[in-house]
Amino acid sequence: MELNHDIATPYYEQIRNYLLTKIESNEFPPHTQIPSERTLSEQFGVSRMTVKHAIKELVSNGRLYARVGKGTFVSETPITQQLNALTGFSEDMASLGKPTASRVLRAQMLEANEHIAQKLATAIGTPLAFLKRLRMAGDRPVAIESSYLNAVYCQNILDQNDFSQTSLYNVLRSDYGLQLAYAEQNINARRANASEAELLDVDEGFPLLHITRVTFLENDKPLEYVQSAYRGDRYVFRARLTSL
C-alpha cells in the first residue's frame, strides 16, 4: 500500500487504517508482532513520529499492545459480557463457548475488617470465606478475582470444593440452596501494579478494569463482596440502555 497524497486524510490515519485492515483480515493474527516504527516509516516514506501516532491510537483502542523492549503486538479479540444478568466468570465463558480454568491463589478463612463488614452489612470479625483466583480464558489470563463470602451462609465451602475446577456460583446454588437475586457493581479504570502485572502477563501500569460487586440473596442480605481486576484489552462490558 502507498499513501494517498491527494486526499485530506492525514498520513497517520492512513497508516492506522492499513494496520487495522491487516488485523481484521487476520493477516496479522493475535500476538503477532507488527513491523517496527522504523520499518513502517521507511515503507511509507514518513517520519517515525507519524507512525508512532498511528500505533499509539491502536494501542489506546486496544487493538495493539506494547511490550517494553520487545515491540508492539496484535491484541486478541476481547471477550464481551452483557451487563443485564447476574452471572459468574465460568458461566460467562460457557455461554461464549470458551474453555475456562482458574488458578487458586488463596483460599482461607478470614475475619471481616471494617471495610468488608460494611460492604456485607455484618459485624466486624464475622467469619468470611476468602477465595482469590486467577481466571483464565483458555490458557491466557483474563482477570484476578477476590471473593469475600459471609461464611454464615456457606460453612466449610473452602474445605469441600476445588475452585480451580468448580464454579463458585454453581456450588452456592446447588450445595447450599442459595438463590442469588441481584448484584450492585461498579467499574472503573486503573493501572496494574507489579503483582497484578506479573499474574496477568502484562507490563506494570497496563490499563485494567477494576470491578467491585456486592451480591445479594433473595432476602436482600449481602452474601458476597468481590474485587476484580480485568485486562483492559481482553474484556469488554456491554449494556443495553433504554429511554425512560
Protein backbone atom coordinates (compact mmCIF):
# COMPACT_ATOMS: atom_id res chain seq x y z
CA MET A 1 0.00 0.00 0.00
CA GLU A 2 1.08 3.54 -0.76
CA LEU A 3 -0.17 6.67 0.97
CA ASN A 4 -2.72 8.70 -0.95
CA HIS A 5 -1.35 12.23 -1.17
CA ASP A 6 -4.44 13.58 -2.95
CA ILE A 7 -6.92 13.25 -0.08
CA ALA A 8 -7.33 15.19 3.13
CA THR A 9 -6.95 12.13 5.39
CA PRO A 10 -3.79 12.60 7.49
CA TYR A 11 -0.94 10.19 6.85
CA TYR A 12 -1.09 8.73 10.37
CA GLU A 13 -4.78 7.85 9.85
CA GLN A 14 -3.97 6.11 6.56
CA ILE A 15 -1.25 4.08 8.29
CA ARG A 16 -3.60 3.31 11.18
CA ASN A 17 -6.25 2.09 8.73
CA TYR A 18 -3.65 -0.01 6.91
CA LEU A 19 -2.67 -1.75 10.14
CA LEU A 20 -6.30 -2.16 11.16
CA THR A 21 -7.10 -3.83 7.83
CA LYS A 22 -4.22 -6.26 8.36
CA ILE A 23 -5.51 -7.06 11.86
CA GLU A 24 -9.15 -7.53 10.85
CA SER A 25 -8.22 -9.73 7.88
CA ASN A 26 -6.12 -11.86 10.25
CA GLU A 27 -3.03 -11.20 8.17
CA PHE A 28 -1.65 -10.00 11.49
CA PRO A 29 -3.09 -12.65 13.88
CA PRO A 30 -3.37 -12.10 17.65
CA HIS A 31 0.02 -11.83 19.40
CA THR A 32 1.85 -11.27 16.10
CA GLN A 33 4.48 -8.54 16.27
CA ILE A 34 3.76 -5.76 13.79
CA PRO A 35 6.56 -4.15 11.74
CA SER A 36 8.72 -1.73 13.69
CA GLU A 37 8.24 2.03 13.58
CA ARG A 38 11.43 2.28 11.55
CA THR A 39 10.26 -0.30 9.02
CA LEU A 40 6.87 1.37 8.61
CA SER A 41 8.35 4.85 8.32
CA GLU A 42 10.65 3.62 5.54
CA GLN A 43 7.80 1.72 3.86
CA PHE A 44 5.53 4.78 3.71
CA GLY A 45 8.20 7.48 3.44
CA VAL A 46 7.06 9.35 6.55
CA SER A 47 8.62 10.28 9.87
CA ARG A 48 8.70 7.84 12.76
CA MET A 49 6.60 10.35 14.70
CA THR A 50 3.79 9.90 12.17
CA VAL A 51 3.99 6.12 12.52
CA LYS A 52 4.15 6.40 16.31
CA HIS A 53 0.91 8.44 16.25
CA ALA A 54 -0.87 5.73 14.25
CA ILE A 55 0.34 2.94 16.53
CA LYS A 56 -0.50 4.90 19.68
CA GLU A 57 -4.13 5.21 18.57
CA LEU A 58 -4.41 1.46 18.00
CA VAL A 59 -2.85 0.76 21.40
CA SER A 60 -5.31 3.19 23.02
CA ASN A 61 -8.19 1.40 21.27
CA GLY A 62 -6.99 -1.99 22.49
CA ARG A 63 -6.15 -3.36 19.02
CA LEU A 64 -2.42 -3.44 19.75
CA TYR A 65 -0.35 -3.79 22.90
CA ALA A 66 3.25 -2.80 23.55
CA ARG A 67 5.83 -4.82 25.47
CA VAL A 68 8.73 -2.78 26.77
CA GLY A 69 11.93 -3.73 24.96
CA LYS A 70 10.13 -6.25 22.74
CA GLY A 71 7.89 -4.35 20.34
CA THR A 72 4.21 -3.92 19.53
CA PHE A 73 1.83 -6.86 19.10
CA VAL A 74 -1.73 -7.55 17.96
CA SER A 75 -4.26 -7.89 20.77
CA GLU A 76 -6.77 -10.72 21.00
CA THR A 77 -10.38 -10.02 20.12
CA PRO A 78 -11.81 -9.04 23.51
CA ILE A 79 -14.40 -11.11 25.35
CA THR A 80 -17.75 -9.31 25.53
CA GLN A 81 -20.05 -9.66 28.54
CA GLN A 82 -23.55 -8.27 28.71
CA LEU A 83 -24.36 -6.40 31.91
CA ASN A 84 -28.01 -7.43 32.09
CA ALA A 85 -27.65 -10.71 34.00
CA LEU A 86 -26.08 -11.87 37.26
CA THR A 87 -23.53 -14.46 36.18
CA GLY A 88 -20.10 -15.64 37.22
CA PHE A 89 -16.96 -15.85 35.10
CA SER A 90 -17.38 -19.59 34.42
CA GLU A 91 -20.95 -19.05 33.22
CA ASP A 92 -19.88 -16.14 31.02
CA MET A 93 -17.19 -18.22 29.33
CA ALA A 94 -19.51 -21.22 28.90
CA SER A 95 -22.13 -19.02 27.19
CA LEU A 96 -19.45 -17.86 24.73
CA GLY A 97 -18.21 -21.39 24.10
CA LYS A 98 -14.78 -20.60 25.53
CA PRO A 99 -12.82 -23.05 27.71
CA THR A 100 -12.05 -21.69 31.15
CA ALA A 101 -9.75 -22.52 34.03
CA SER A 102 -8.76 -20.95 37.31
CA ARG A 103 -5.65 -20.93 39.46
CA VAL A 104 -6.43 -20.62 43.16
CA LEU A 105 -4.06 -18.06 44.63
CA ARG A 106 -5.52 -18.03 48.16
CA ALA A 107 -8.35 -19.89 49.88
CA GLN A 108 -8.68 -19.29 53.60
CA MET A 109 -10.96 -18.18 56.40
CA LEU A 110 -10.71 -14.55 57.49
CA GLU A 111 -12.49 -12.19 59.83
CA ALA A 112 -14.28 -9.20 58.37
CA ASN A 113 -12.46 -5.90 58.81
CA GLU A 114 -14.36 -2.62 58.93
CA HIS A 115 -14.42 -2.15 55.14
CA ILE A 116 -15.64 -5.67 54.29
CA ALA A 117 -18.10 -5.68 57.19
CA GLN A 118 -19.66 -2.51 55.84
CA LYS A 119 -19.95 -3.97 52.33
CA LEU A 120 -21.58 -7.15 53.66
CA ALA A 121 -23.75 -5.35 56.24
CA THR A 122 -22.35 -7.51 59.02
CA ALA A 123 -20.28 -7.12 62.17
CA ILE A 124 -16.53 -6.65 62.27
CA GLY A 125 -14.98 -10.05 62.97
CA THR A 126 -17.66 -12.03 61.13
CA PRO A 127 -16.14 -15.22 59.63
CA LEU A 128 -15.50 -14.94 55.91
CA ALA A 129 -14.53 -17.46 53.25
CA PHE A 130 -11.90 -15.71 51.13
CA LEU A 131 -11.16 -17.01 47.64
CA LYS A 132 -8.65 -15.35 45.30
CA ARG A 133 -8.30 -16.78 41.80
CA LEU A 134 -6.55 -16.05 38.53
CA ARG A 135 -9.25 -16.52 35.89
CA MET A 136 -8.21 -17.88 32.50
CA ALA A 137 -9.87 -17.96 29.08
CA GLY A 138 -8.21 -20.96 27.51
CA ASP A 139 -4.62 -20.72 28.69
CA ARG A 140 -4.49 -16.90 28.80
CA PRO A 141 -5.02 -14.88 31.97
CA VAL A 142 -8.00 -12.53 31.89
CA ALA A 143 -8.69 -11.44 35.46
CA ILE A 144 -7.76 -11.62 39.11
CA GLU A 145 -10.84 -12.14 41.26
CA SER A 146 -11.01 -11.86 45.07
CA SER A 147 -14.28 -13.01 46.70
CA TYR A 148 -15.29 -12.46 50.32
CA LEU A 149 -18.26 -14.63 51.32
CA ASN A 150 -20.22 -14.38 54.55
CA ALA A 151 -19.45 -17.87 55.88
CA VAL A 152 -22.69 -17.95 57.88
CA TYR A 153 -24.43 -18.89 54.62
CA CYS A 154 -21.86 -21.35 53.25
CA GLN A 155 -19.98 -23.09 56.05
CA ASN A 156 -16.98 -25.25 55.08
CA ILE A 157 -17.25 -24.18 51.44
CA LEU A 158 -13.47 -23.94 51.05
CA ASP A 159 -12.86 -27.39 52.52
CA GLN A 160 -15.29 -29.22 50.29
CA ASN A 161 -14.55 -27.85 46.83
CA ASP A 162 -11.71 -27.44 44.35
CA PHE A 163 -12.34 -23.99 42.94
CA SER A 164 -9.66 -24.35 40.29
CA GLN A 165 -12.20 -26.56 38.51
CA THR A 166 -15.55 -25.67 40.07
CA SER A 167 -17.86 -22.68 39.61
CA LEU A 168 -18.37 -20.81 42.88
CA TYR A 169 -21.88 -19.70 41.95
CA ASN A 170 -22.88 -23.25 40.98
CA VAL A 171 -21.73 -24.51 44.39
CA LEU A 172 -23.61 -21.77 46.21
CA ARG A 173 -26.79 -22.69 44.36
CA SER A 174 -26.55 -26.48 44.30
CA ASP A 175 -24.83 -27.29 47.61
CA TYR A 176 -26.17 -24.53 49.83
CA GLY A 177 -29.52 -23.79 48.20
CA LEU A 178 -28.74 -20.09 47.94
CA GLN A 179 -30.64 -18.00 45.39
CA LEU A 180 -28.51 -15.15 44.09
CA ALA A 181 -31.05 -12.43 43.40
CA TYR A 182 -29.13 -9.38 42.20
CA ALA A 183 -25.85 -7.51 42.49
CA GLU A 184 -24.61 -3.93 42.66
CA GLN A 185 -21.48 -3.43 40.57
CA ASN A 186 -19.05 -0.58 39.97
CA ILE A 187 -16.45 -0.40 37.18
CA ASN A 188 -13.54 2.00 36.91
CA ALA A 189 -10.22 2.12 35.09
CA ARG A 190 -6.80 1.96 36.74
CA ARG A 191 -3.31 0.69 36.07
CA ALA A 192 -1.80 -2.66 37.02
CA ASN A 193 0.55 -2.80 39.97
CA ALA A 194 3.63 -5.02 39.93
CA SER A 195 1.98 -8.17 41.33
CA GLU A 196 -1.08 -7.84 39.07
CA ALA A 197 1.15 -7.28 36.04
CA GLU A 198 3.06 -10.49 36.73
CA LEU A 199 -0.11 -12.57 37.12
CA LEU A 200 -1.85 -11.11 34.07
CA ASP A 201 1.29 -11.23 31.89
CA VAL A 202 1.34 -7.50 31.16
CA ASP A 203 3.67 -4.61 31.90
CA GLU A 204 3.32 -2.70 35.14
CA GLY A 205 0.99 0.24 34.53
CA PHE A 206 -1.07 -1.65 31.92
CA PRO A 207 -4.74 -0.49 31.84
CA LEU A 208 -7.13 -2.63 33.87
CA LEU A 209 -10.86 -2.62 34.50
CA HIS A 210 -11.33 -2.60 38.28
CA ILE A 211 -14.69 -4.04 39.30
CA THR A 212 -16.34 -4.27 42.69
CA ARG A 213 -19.56 -6.20 43.23
CA VAL A 214 -21.86 -6.93 46.14
CA THR A 215 -24.10 -9.94 45.50
CA PHE A 216 -27.41 -10.18 47.36
CA LEU A 217 -29.70 -13.05 48.30
CA GLU A 218 -33.48 -13.04 47.83
CA ASN A 219 -33.94 -11.62 51.31
CA ASP A 220 -31.77 -8.61 50.34
CA LYS A 221 -28.93 -9.83 52.55
CA PRO A 222 -25.43 -9.40 51.09
CA LEU A 223 -23.66 -12.70 50.55
CA GLU A 224 -20.52 -11.79 48.62
CA TYR A 225 -18.18 -8.87 48.07
CA VAL A 226 -15.88 -9.21 45.04
CA GLN A 227 -12.92 -7.18 43.84
CA SER A 228 -11.74 -8.00 40.32
CA ALA A 229 -9.04 -6.69 38.01
CA TYR A 230 -9.68 -7.46 34.32
CA ARG A 231 -7.21 -6.96 31.49
CA GLY A 232 -8.49 -3.94 29.59
CA ASP A 233 -7.55 -5.44 26.22
CA ARG A 234 -9.28 -8.79 26.74
CA TYR A 235 -12.64 -7.91 28.24
CA VAL A 236 -15.46 -5.61 27.16
CA PHE A 237 -18.59 -4.98 29.21
CA ARG A 238 -21.67 -4.13 27.15
CA ALA A 239 -25.01 -2.76 28.37
CA ARG A 240 -28.25 -2.05 26.57
CA LEU A 241 -29.75 1.28 27.57
CA THR A 242 -33.40 2.18 27.06
CA SER A 243 -35.08 5.56 27.30
CA LEU A 244 -37.13 6.45 30.36
